[in-house]
Amino acid sequence: MTKSVISQTVLITGASGSIGGALAEIYAEPGNILILQGRNAARLAELASICEEKGARVLTKVLDVRNRAELAAWLGEISRQETLDLVIVNAGVNTNIGADGAGERWADVEALVEINVLAAMATVDAVLPAMRARGQGQIALMSSLAAYFGLPVTPSYSASKAAMKAYGEALRGWLAPEGLHINVVMPGYVESQMCRDMPGPKPFLWTADKAARVIKRGLARNQPRISFPFPLNLGTWCLSILRPGISERILRLLNYGA
């Protein structure tokens, strides 16, 4: 990081969502500049007002990240105008097989991959040149504990978050010698509409505020992987190292089967 905690420029995609909004509020400190992207204009305006009351300078952008040409143009312009200390690539959606197990709609799968994977990579691609030129900067990629072992109820979401985990880990190894920090954030269940819409049990559910505090602390420490909560993190990690057949049986016993 190039500036003290009271003088950071933080860009957050998906800021109109649950975790994104909580992160915006927790980084809203006097002297900080927040650049917030989202699709919900009313929510962005409300969030900007809250953050400005806390002393931050706030810039907002209503944009669908699936429009990658517009996204890249905007991020390029912002990178020229501001010195981005931290970029939190948070925009994301979920889809599932449905309560009756009918399966994911292909249109939903395409949109998910465009947002969770392609737009995330496009965001990194757009902000990297300025960071590499300075030899400083931090990028946080939002993955999920579902990246450890795919959940039968959310196959496409699990795949997209596994992609973000691998992508972030690879970027970290590549860019660390240049002075850049890359971090992978792997939340469990966090209170949100997206979480409520997902079928299956939701153990160890956290509030968005609690998740944001843990993420901020982990980013300040430059933790390679910020995964929580601990019991669910341990359990999902174990699923990834057990024989697949055993992990599948465990998931069925826990009502995560199709």
C-alpha atoms as a PDB file:
ATOM      1  CA  MET A   1       0.000   0.000   0.000  1.00  0.00           C
ATOM      2  CA  THR A   2       1.262   3.450  -0.860  1.00  0.00           C
ATOM      3  CA  LYS A   3      -0.718   5.566   1.580  1.00  0.00           C
ATOM      4  CA  SER A   4      -1.691   5.480   5.242  1.00  0.00           C
ATOM      5  CA  VAL A   5      -5.080   4.139   6.234  1.00  0.00           C
ATOM      6  CA  ILE A   6      -6.443   7.655   6.433  1.00  0.00           C
ATOM      7  CA  SER A   7      -5.450   8.415   2.867  1.00  0.00           C
ATOM      8  CA  GLN A   8      -6.463   5.557   0.595  1.00  0.00           C
ATOM      9  CA  THR A   9      -8.134   5.478  -2.777  1.00  0.00           C
ATOM     10  CA  VAL A  10     -10.343   2.388  -2.838  1.00  0.00           C
ATOM     11  CA  LEU A  11     -12.330   1.173  -5.840  1.00  0.00           C
ATOM     12  CA  ILE A  12     -15.088  -1.382  -5.227  1.00  0.00           C
ATOM     13  CA  THR A  13     -17.080  -3.096  -7.954  1.00  0.00           C
ATOM     14  CA  GLY A  14     -20.469  -4.474  -7.008  1.00  0.00           C
ATOM     15  CA  ALA A  15     -20.742  -1.828  -4.285  1.00  0.00           C
ATOM     16  CA  SER A  16     -24.535  -1.819  -4.382  1.00  0.00           C
ATOM     17  CA  GLY A  17     -24.559  -5.416  -3.090  1.00  0.00           C
ATOM     18  CA  SER A  18     -24.419  -6.614   0.496  1.00  0.00           C
ATOM     19  CA  ILE A  19     -20.680  -7.195   1.016  1.00  0.00           C
ATOM     20  CA  GLY A  20     -19.736  -4.380  -1.386  1.00  0.00           C
ATOM     21  CA  GLY A  21     -21.853  -1.881   0.509  1.00  0.00           C
ATOM     22  CA  ALA A  22     -20.478  -2.995   3.863  1.00  0.00           C
ATOM     23  CA  LEU A  23     -16.929  -2.662   2.535  1.00  0.00           C
ATOM     24  CA  ALA A  24     -17.660   0.842   1.243  1.00  0.00           C
ATOM     25  CA  GLU A  25     -18.921   1.914   4.646  1.00  0.00           C
ATOM     26  CA  ILE A  26     -15.976   0.432   6.514  1.00  0.00           C
ATOM     27  CA  TYR A  27     -13.475   2.192   4.207  1.00  0.00           C
ATOM     28  CA  ALA A  28     -15.384   5.475   4.468  1.00  0.00           C
ATOM     29  CA  GLU A  29     -12.928   7.468   6.558  1.00  0.00           C
ATOM     30  CA  PRO A  30     -11.841  11.111   6.441  1.00  0.00           C
ATOM     31  CA  GLY A  31      -9.254  11.547   3.715  1.00  0.00           C
ATOM     32  CA  ASN A  32     -10.193   8.396   1.838  1.00  0.00           C
ATOM     33  CA  ILE A  33     -11.485   8.424  -1.734  1.00  0.00           C
ATOM     34  CA  LEU A  34     -14.074   5.762  -2.569  1.00  0.00           C
ATOM     35  CA  ILE A  35     -14.919   4.855  -6.147  1.00  0.00           C
ATOM     36  CA  LEU A  36     -18.054   2.737  -6.142  1.00  0.00           C
ATOM     37  CA  GLN A  37     -19.517   0.823  -9.085  1.00  0.00           C
ATOM     38  CA  GLY A  38     -22.872  -0.911  -9.161  1.00  0.00           C
ATOM     39  CA  ARG A  39     -26.035  -1.460 -11.174  1.00  0.00           C
ATOM     40  CA  ASN A  40     -28.502  -0.112  -8.602  1.00  0.00           C
ATOM     41  CA  ALA A  41     -28.407   3.668  -8.980  1.00  0.00           C
ATOM     42  CA  ALA A  42     -30.651   4.361  -5.980  1.00  0.00           C
ATOM     43  CA  ARG A  43     -28.584   2.147  -3.691  1.00  0.00           C
ATOM     44  CA  LEU A  44     -25.328   3.710  -4.933  1.00  0.00           C
ATOM     45  CA  ALA A  45     -26.651   7.194  -4.234  1.00  0.00           C
ATOM     46  CA  GLU A  46     -27.747   6.167  -0.749  1.00  0.00           C
ATOM     47  CA  LEU A  47     -24.388   4.539  -0.073  1.00  0.00           C
ATOM     48  CA  ALA A  48     -22.484   7.561  -1.347  1.00  0.00           C
ATOM     49  CA  SER A  49     -24.416   9.797   1.049  1.00  0.00           C
ATOM     50  CA  ILE A  50     -23.608   7.522   3.995  1.00  0.00           C
ATOM     51  CA  CYS A  51     -19.904   7.388   3.108  1.00  0.00           C
ATOM     52  CA  GLU A  52     -19.660  11.127   2.544  1.00  0.00           C
ATOM     53  CA  GLU A  53     -21.171  11.739   5.967  1.00  0.00           C
ATOM     54  CA  LYS A  54     -18.290   9.705   7.372  1.00  0.00           C
ATOM     55  CA  GLY A  55     -15.804  12.035   5.691  1.00  0.00           C
ATOM     56  CA  ALA A  56     -14.875  10.186   2.520  1.00  0.00           C
ATOM     57  CA  ARG A  57     -14.872  11.645  -0.953  1.00  0.00           C
ATOM     58  CA  VAL A  58     -17.082   9.437  -3.107  1.00  0.00           C
ATOM     59  CA  LEU A  59     -17.321   8.869  -6.849  1.00  0.00           C
ATOM     60  CA  THR A  60     -19.991   6.542  -8.211  1.00  0.00           C
ATOM     61  CA  LYS A  61     -20.518   4.765 -11.502  1.00  0.00           C
ATOM     62  CA  VAL A  62     -23.722   3.030 -12.570  1.00  0.00           C
ATOM     63  CA  LEU A  63     -22.512   0.361 -14.963  1.00  0.00           C
ATOM     64  CA  ASP A  64     -23.272  -3.232 -15.945  1.00  0.00           C
ATOM     65  CA  VAL A  65     -19.881  -4.968 -15.839  1.00  0.00           C
ATOM     66  CA  ARG A  66     -21.007  -7.314 -18.619  1.00  0.00           C
ATOM     67  CA  ASN A  67     -20.359  -4.362 -20.932  1.00  0.00           C
ATOM     68  CA  ARG A  68     -16.633  -4.984 -20.798  1.00  0.00           C
ATOM     69  CA  ALA A  69     -15.725  -2.282 -23.329  1.00  0.00           C
ATOM     70  CA  GLU A  70     -17.442   0.367 -21.213  1.00  0.00           C
ATOM     71  CA  LEU A  71     -15.985  -1.146 -18.058  1.00  0.00           C
ATOM     72  CA  ALA A  72     -12.425  -1.054 -19.421  1.00  0.00           C
ATOM     73  CA  ALA A  73     -12.820   2.503 -20.696  1.00  0.00           C
ATOM     74  CA  TRP A  74     -14.120   3.710 -17.333  1.00  0.00           C
ATOM     75  CA  LEU A  75     -11.402   1.932 -15.347  1.00  0.00           C
ATOM     76  CA  GLY A  76      -8.714   3.257 -17.664  1.00  0.00           C
ATOM     77  CA  GLU A  77      -9.983   6.797 -17.177  1.00  0.00           C
ATOM     78  CA  ILE A  78     -10.162   6.371 -13.399  1.00  0.00           C
ATOM     79  CA  SER A  79      -6.628   4.963 -13.322  1.00  0.00           C
ATOM     80  CA  ARG A  80      -5.380   8.084 -15.089  1.00  0.00           C
ATOM     81  CA  GLN A  81      -7.290  10.441 -12.817  1.00  0.00           C
ATOM     82  CA  GLU A  82      -6.705   8.751  -9.454  1.00  0.00           C
ATOM     83  CA  THR A  83      -3.976   6.690  -7.827  1.00  0.00           C
ATOM     84  CA  LEU A  84      -5.758   3.460  -7.002  1.00  0.00           C
ATOM     85  CA  ASP A  85      -4.349   1.972  -3.810  1.00  0.00           C
ATOM     86  CA  LEU A  86      -6.861  -0.850  -3.472  1.00  0.00           C
ATOM     87  CA  VAL A  87      -9.234  -2.392  -6.000  1.00  0.00           C
ATOM     88  CA  ILE A  88     -11.799  -4.837  -4.604  1.00  0.00           C
ATOM     89  CA  VAL A  89     -13.196  -6.930  -7.457  1.00  0.00           C
ATOM     90  CA  ASN A  90     -16.467  -7.769  -5.783  1.00  0.00           C
ATOM     91  CA  ALA A  91     -19.201  -7.725  -8.464  1.00  0.00           C
ATOM     92  CA  GLY A  92     -20.823 -11.127  -8.646  1.00  0.00           C
ATOM     93  CA  VAL A  93     -24.042 -13.099  -9.036  1.00  0.00           C
ATOM     94  CA  ASN A  94     -25.238 -16.604  -8.244  1.00  0.00           C
ATOM     95  CA  THR A  95     -27.481 -19.125  -9.918  1.00  0.00           C
ATOM     96  CA  ASN A  96     -28.636 -22.539  -8.769  1.00  0.00           C
ATOM     97  CA  ILE A  97     -30.357 -25.718  -9.882  1.00  0.00           C
ATOM     98  CA  GLY A  98     -33.626 -24.717  -8.198  1.00  0.00           C
ATOM     99  CA  ALA A  99     -35.455 -26.195  -5.235  1.00  0.00           C
ATOM    100  CA  ASP A 100     -36.812 -28.960  -7.486  1.00  0.00           C
ATOM    101  CA  GLY A 101     -33.412 -29.714  -9.032  1.00  0.00           C
ATOM    102  CA  ALA A 102     -34.580 -28.755 -12.507  1.00  0.00           C
ATOM    103  CA  GLY A 103     -31.200 -27.260 -13.363  1.00  0.00           C
ATOM    104  CA  GLU A 104     -29.620 -23.905 -14.164  1.00  0.00           C
ATOM    105  CA  ARG A 105     -30.979 -21.829 -17.033  1.00  0.00           C
ATOM    106  CA  TRP A 106     -28.302 -21.376 -19.705  1.00  0.00           C
ATOM    107  CA  ALA A 107     -28.972 -17.642 -19.942  1.00  0.00           C
ATOM    108  CA  ASP A 108     -28.264 -17.360 -16.213  1.00  0.00           C
ATOM    109  CA  VAL A 109     -25.073 -19.387 -16.556  1.00  0.00           C
ATOM    110  CA  GLU A 110     -23.801 -17.140 -19.363  1.00  0.00           C
ATOM    111  CA  ALA A 111     -24.535 -14.000 -17.342  1.00  0.00           C
ATOM    112  CA  LEU A 112     -22.809 -15.487 -14.293  1.00  0.00           C
ATOM    113  CA  VAL A 113     -19.633 -16.315 -16.203  1.00  0.00           C
ATOM    114  CA  GLU A 114     -19.613 -12.874 -17.817  1.00  0.00           C
ATOM    115  CA  ILE A 115     -19.894 -11.149 -14.435  1.00  0.00           C
ATOM    116  CA  ASN A 116     -18.004 -13.438 -12.052  1.00  0.00           C
ATOM    117  CA  VAL A 117     -15.134 -14.366 -14.355  1.00  0.00           C
ATOM    118  CA  LEU A 118     -14.780 -12.284 -17.514  1.00  0.00           C
ATOM    119  CA  ALA A 119     -15.672  -8.925 -15.952  1.00  0.00           C
ATOM    120  CA  ALA A 120     -13.446  -9.669 -12.949  1.00  0.00           C
ATOM    121  CA  MET A 121     -10.492 -10.427 -15.217  1.00  0.00           C
ATOM    122  CA  ALA A 122     -11.279  -7.371 -17.346  1.00  0.00           C
ATOM    123  CA  THR A 123     -11.210  -5.233 -14.196  1.00  0.00           C
ATOM    124  CA  VAL A 124      -7.786  -6.540 -13.247  1.00  0.00           C
ATOM    125  CA  ASP A 125      -6.518  -6.077 -16.794  1.00  0.00           C
ATOM    126  CA  ALA A 126      -7.664  -2.448 -16.840  1.00  0.00           C
ATOM    127  CA  VAL A 127      -6.155  -1.371 -13.509  1.00  0.00           C
ATOM    128  CA  LEU A 128      -2.902  -3.340 -13.668  1.00  0.00           C
ATOM    129  CA  PRO A 129      -0.900  -1.144 -16.078  1.00  0.00           C
ATOM    130  CA  ALA A 130      -0.938   1.917 -13.794  1.00  0.00           C
ATOM    131  CA  MET A 131      -0.179  -0.190 -10.714  1.00  0.00           C
ATOM    132  CA  ARG A 132       2.718  -1.956 -12.414  1.00  0.00           C
ATOM    133  CA  ALA A 133       4.102   1.342 -13.644  1.00  0.00           C
ATOM    134  CA  ARG A 134       4.126   2.618 -10.028  1.00  0.00           C
ATOM    135  CA  GLY A 135       5.275  -0.684  -8.566  1.00  0.00           C
ATOM    136  CA  GLN A 136       2.520  -0.385  -5.957  1.00  0.00           C
ATOM    137  CA  GLY A 137      -1.113  -1.322  -5.513  1.00  0.00           C
ATOM    138  CA  GLN A 138      -3.418  -3.995  -4.155  1.00  0.00           C
ATOM    139  CA  ILE A 139      -6.158  -6.047  -5.797  1.00  0.00           C
ATOM    140  CA  ALA A 140      -8.631  -8.234  -3.902  1.00  0.00           C
ATOM    141  CA  LEU A 141     -10.534 -10.879  -5.854  1.00  0.00           C
ATOM    142  CA  MET A 142     -13.807 -12.185  -4.435  1.00  0.00           C
ATOM    143  CA  SER A 143     -13.914 -15.960  -4.485  1.00  0.00           C
ATOM    144  CA  SER A 144     -15.897 -18.205  -2.119  1.00  0.00           C
ATOM    145  CA  LEU A 145     -15.506 -21.267   0.089  1.00  0.00           C
ATOM    146  CA  ALA A 146     -17.453 -22.997  -2.696  1.00  0.00           C
ATOM    147  CA  ALA A 147     -14.185 -22.827  -4.663  1.00  0.00           C
ATOM    148  CA  TYR A 148     -12.719 -25.678  -2.603  1.00  0.00           C
ATOM    149  CA  PHE A 149     -15.248 -28.310  -3.704  1.00  0.00           C
ATOM    150  CA  GLY A 150     -18.178 -27.670  -6.024  1.00  0.00           C
ATOM    151  CA  LEU A 151     -21.607 -27.591  -4.363  1.00  0.00           C
ATOM    152  CA  PRO A 152     -24.211 -29.650  -6.270  1.00  0.00           C
ATOM    153  CA  VAL A 153     -26.830 -26.901  -5.841  1.00  0.00           C
ATOM    154  CA  THR A 154     -24.643 -24.194  -7.429  1.00  0.00           C
ATOM    155  CA  PRO A 155     -22.368 -25.767 -10.068  1.00  0.00           C
ATOM    156  CA  SER A 156     -21.700 -22.680 -12.201  1.00  0.00           C
ATOM    157  CA  TYR A 157     -21.160 -20.406  -9.210  1.00  0.00           C
ATOM    158  CA  SER A 158     -18.729 -22.917  -7.686  1.00  0.00           C
ATOM    159  CA  ALA A 159     -16.823 -23.108 -10.966  1.00  0.00           C
ATOM    160  CA  SER A 160     -16.605 -19.326 -11.284  1.00  0.00           C
ATOM    161  CA  LYS A 161     -15.282 -18.920  -7.750  1.00  0.00           C
ATOM    162  CA  ALA A 162     -12.747 -21.707  -8.249  1.00  0.00           C
ATOM    163  CA  ALA A 163     -11.564 -19.767 -11.297  1.00  0.00           C
ATOM    164  CA  MET A 164     -11.145 -16.609  -9.196  1.00  0.00           C
ATOM    165  CA  LYS A 165      -9.209 -18.505  -6.534  1.00  0.00           C
ATOM    166  CA  ALA A 166      -6.752 -19.956  -9.053  1.00  0.00           C
ATOM    167  CA  TYR A 167      -6.503 -16.667 -10.961  1.00  0.00           C
ATOM    168  CA  GLY A 168      -5.763 -14.657  -7.835  1.00  0.00           C
ATOM    169  CA  GLU A 169      -3.168 -17.121  -6.575  1.00  0.00           C
ATOM    170  CA  ALA A 170      -1.411 -17.065  -9.947  1.00  0.00           C
ATOM    171  CA  LEU A 171      -1.478 -13.257 -10.109  1.00  0.00           C
ATOM    172  CA  ARG A 172      -0.005 -13.022  -6.624  1.00  0.00           C
ATOM    173  CA  GLY A 173       2.939 -15.221  -7.564  1.00  0.00           C
ATOM    174  CA  TRP A 174       3.523 -13.241 -10.761  1.00  0.00           C
ATOM    175  CA  LEU A 175       3.167  -9.718  -9.401  1.00  0.00           C
ATOM    176  CA  ALA A 176       4.584  -9.911  -5.866  1.00  0.00           C
ATOM    177  CA  PRO A 177       8.165  -9.267  -7.071  1.00  0.00           C
ATOM    178  CA  GLU A 178       6.903  -6.018  -8.632  1.00  0.00           C
ATOM    179  CA  GLY A 179       5.545  -4.756  -5.305  1.00  0.00           C
ATOM    180  CA  LEU A 180       1.866  -5.499  -5.962  1.00  0.00           C
ATOM    181  CA  HIS A 181      -0.371  -7.278  -3.462  1.00  0.00           C
ATOM    182  CA  ILE A 182      -3.015  -9.710  -4.717  1.00  0.00           C
ATOM    183  CA  ASN A 183      -5.444 -11.282  -2.266  1.00  0.00           C
ATOM    184  CA  VAL A 184      -8.163 -13.911  -2.631  1.00  0.00           C
ATOM    185  CA  VAL A 185     -11.238 -13.441  -0.433  1.00  0.00           C
ATOM    186  CA  MET A 186     -13.209 -16.626   0.285  1.00  0.00           C
ATOM    187  CA  PRO A 187     -16.363 -15.930   2.319  1.00  0.00           C
ATOM    188  CA  GLY A 188     -18.793 -18.516   3.549  1.00  0.00           C
ATOM    189  CA  TYR A 189     -22.443 -17.577   3.922  1.00  0.00           C
ATOM    190  CA  VAL A 190     -22.980 -13.836   4.290  1.00  0.00           C
ATOM    191  CA  GLU A 191     -26.432 -12.311   4.773  1.00  0.00           C
ATOM    192  CA  SER A 192     -27.638 -11.015   1.394  1.00  0.00           C
ATOM    193  CA  GLN A 193     -30.417 -11.511  -1.121  1.00  0.00           C
ATOM    194  CA  MET A 194     -28.079 -13.707  -3.162  1.00  0.00           C
ATOM    195  CA  CYS A 195     -27.507 -15.908  -0.124  1.00  0.00           C
ATOM    196  CA  ARG A 196     -31.211 -16.088   0.688  1.00  0.00           C
ATOM    197  CA  ASP A 197     -32.023 -17.154  -2.872  1.00  0.00           C
ATOM    198  CA  MET A 198     -29.641 -20.120  -2.724  1.00  0.00           C
ATOM    199  CA  PRO A 199     -31.221 -23.462  -1.765  1.00  0.00           C
ATOM    200  CA  GLY A 200     -29.740 -25.640   0.963  1.00  0.00           C
ATOM    201  CA  PRO A 201     -28.584 -25.028   4.528  1.00  0.00           C
ATOM    202  CA  LYS A 202     -26.502 -21.950   5.382  1.00  0.00           C
ATOM    203  CA  PRO A 203     -24.416 -22.755   8.466  1.00  0.00           C
ATOM    204  CA  PHE A 204     -22.338 -20.130  10.277  1.00  0.00           C
ATOM    205  CA  LEU A 205     -24.149 -17.257   8.538  1.00  0.00           C
ATOM    206  CA  TRP A 206     -22.345 -13.915   9.047  1.00  0.00           C
ATOM    207  CA  THR A 207     -23.596 -10.374   8.694  1.00  0.00           C
ATOM    208  CA  ALA A 208     -22.104  -8.313   5.885  1.00  0.00           C
ATOM    209  CA  ASP A 209     -20.609  -5.893   8.423  1.00  0.00           C
ATOM    210  CA  LYS A 210     -18.739  -8.687  10.193  1.00  0.00           C
ATOM    211  CA  ALA A 211     -17.455 -10.034   6.871  1.00  0.00           C
ATOM    212  CA  ALA A 212     -16.293  -6.553   5.814  1.00  0.00           C
ATOM    213  CA  ARG A 213     -14.317  -6.076   9.034  1.00  0.00           C
ATOM    214  CA  VAL A 214     -12.511  -9.395   8.575  1.00  0.00           C
ATOM    215  CA  ILE A 215     -11.801  -8.645   4.906  1.00  0.00           C
ATOM    216  CA  LYS A 216     -10.402  -5.198   5.697  1.00  0.00           C
ATOM    217  CA  ARG A 217      -8.148  -6.593   8.415  1.00  0.00           C
ATOM    218  CA  GLY A 218      -6.904  -9.370   6.138  1.00  0.00           C
ATOM    219  CA  LEU A 219      -6.164  -6.940   3.316  1.00  0.00           C
ATOM    220  CA  ALA A 220      -4.241  -4.651   5.660  1.00  0.00           C
ATOM    221  CA  ARG A 221      -2.082  -7.666   6.585  1.00  0.00           C
ATOM    222  CA  ASN A 222      -1.750  -8.698   2.922  1.00  0.00           C
ATOM    223  CA  GLN A 223      -3.022 -12.199   3.672  1.00  0.00           C
ATOM    224  CA  PRO A 224      -2.820 -14.340   0.525  1.00  0.00           C
ATOM    225  CA  ARG A 225      -6.167 -15.953   1.319  1.00  0.00           C
ATOM    226  CA  ILE A 226      -8.868 -14.376   3.491  1.00  0.00           C
ATOM    227  CA  SER A 227     -11.286 -17.230   4.210  1.00  0.00           C
ATOM    228  CA  PHE A 228     -14.014 -17.383   6.838  1.00  0.00           C
ATOM    229  CA  PRO A 229     -15.684 -18.458   9.052  1.00  0.00           C
ATOM    230  CA  PHE A 230     -13.133 -20.905  10.448  1.00  0.00           C
ATOM    231  CA  PRO A 231     -15.368 -23.980  10.970  1.00  0.00           C
ATOM    232  CA  LEU A 232     -16.837 -23.780   7.475  1.00  0.00           C
ATOM    233  CA  ASN A 233     -13.444 -22.949   5.981  1.00  0.00           C
ATOM    234  CA  LEU A 234     -11.955 -26.057   7.591  1.00  0.00           C
ATOM    235  CA  GLY A 235     -14.862 -28.221   6.499  1.00  0.00           C
ATOM    236  CA  THR A 236     -14.859 -27.108   2.870  1.00  0.00           C
ATOM    237  CA  TRP A 237     -11.073 -27.386   2.687  1.00  0.00           C
ATOM    238  CA  CYS A 238     -11.339 -30.967   3.945  1.00  0.00           C
ATOM    239  CA  LEU A 239     -13.840 -31.713   1.174  1.00  0.00           C
ATOM    240  CA  SER A 240     -11.158 -30.721  -1.332  1.00  0.00           C
ATOM    241  CA  ILE A 241      -8.571 -33.171   0.022  1.00  0.00           C
ATOM    242  CA  LEU A 242     -10.792 -36.164   0.752  1.00  0.00           C
ATOM    243  CA  ARG A 243     -11.547 -38.729  -1.918  1.00  0.00           C
ATOM    244  CA  PRO A 244     -14.310 -37.231  -4.102  1.00  0.00           C
ATOM    245  CA  GLY A 245     -16.728 -40.047  -3.387  1.00  0.00           C
ATOM    246  CA  ILE A 246     -16.449 -39.418   0.364  1.00  0.00           C
ATOM    247  CA  SER A 247     -16.937 -35.668  -0.093  1.00  0.00           C
ATOM    248  CA  GLU A 248     -20.015 -36.282  -2.229  1.00  0.00           C
ATOM    249  CA  ARG A 249     -21.543 -38.502   0.460  1.00  0.00           C
ATOM    250  CA  ILE A 250     -20.835 -35.875   3.118  1.00  0.00           C
ATOM    251  CA  LEU A 251     -22.583 -33.203   1.052  1.00  0.00           C
ATOM    252  CA  ARG A 252     -25.619 -35.453   0.572  1.00  0.00           C
ATOM    253  CA  LEU A 253     -25.802 -36.107   4.308  1.00  0.00           C
ATOM    254  CA  LEU A 254     -25.737 -32.334   4.887  1.00  0.00           C
ATOM    255  CA  ASN A 255     -28.623 -31.800   2.421  1.00  0.00           C
ATOM    256  CA  TYR A 256     -26.454 -30.248  -0.304  1.00  0.00           C
ATOM    257  CA  GLY A 257     -27.294 -32.960  -2.807  1.00  0.00           C
ATOM    258  CA  ALA A 258     -29.407 -32.316  -5.877  1.00  0.00           C
END
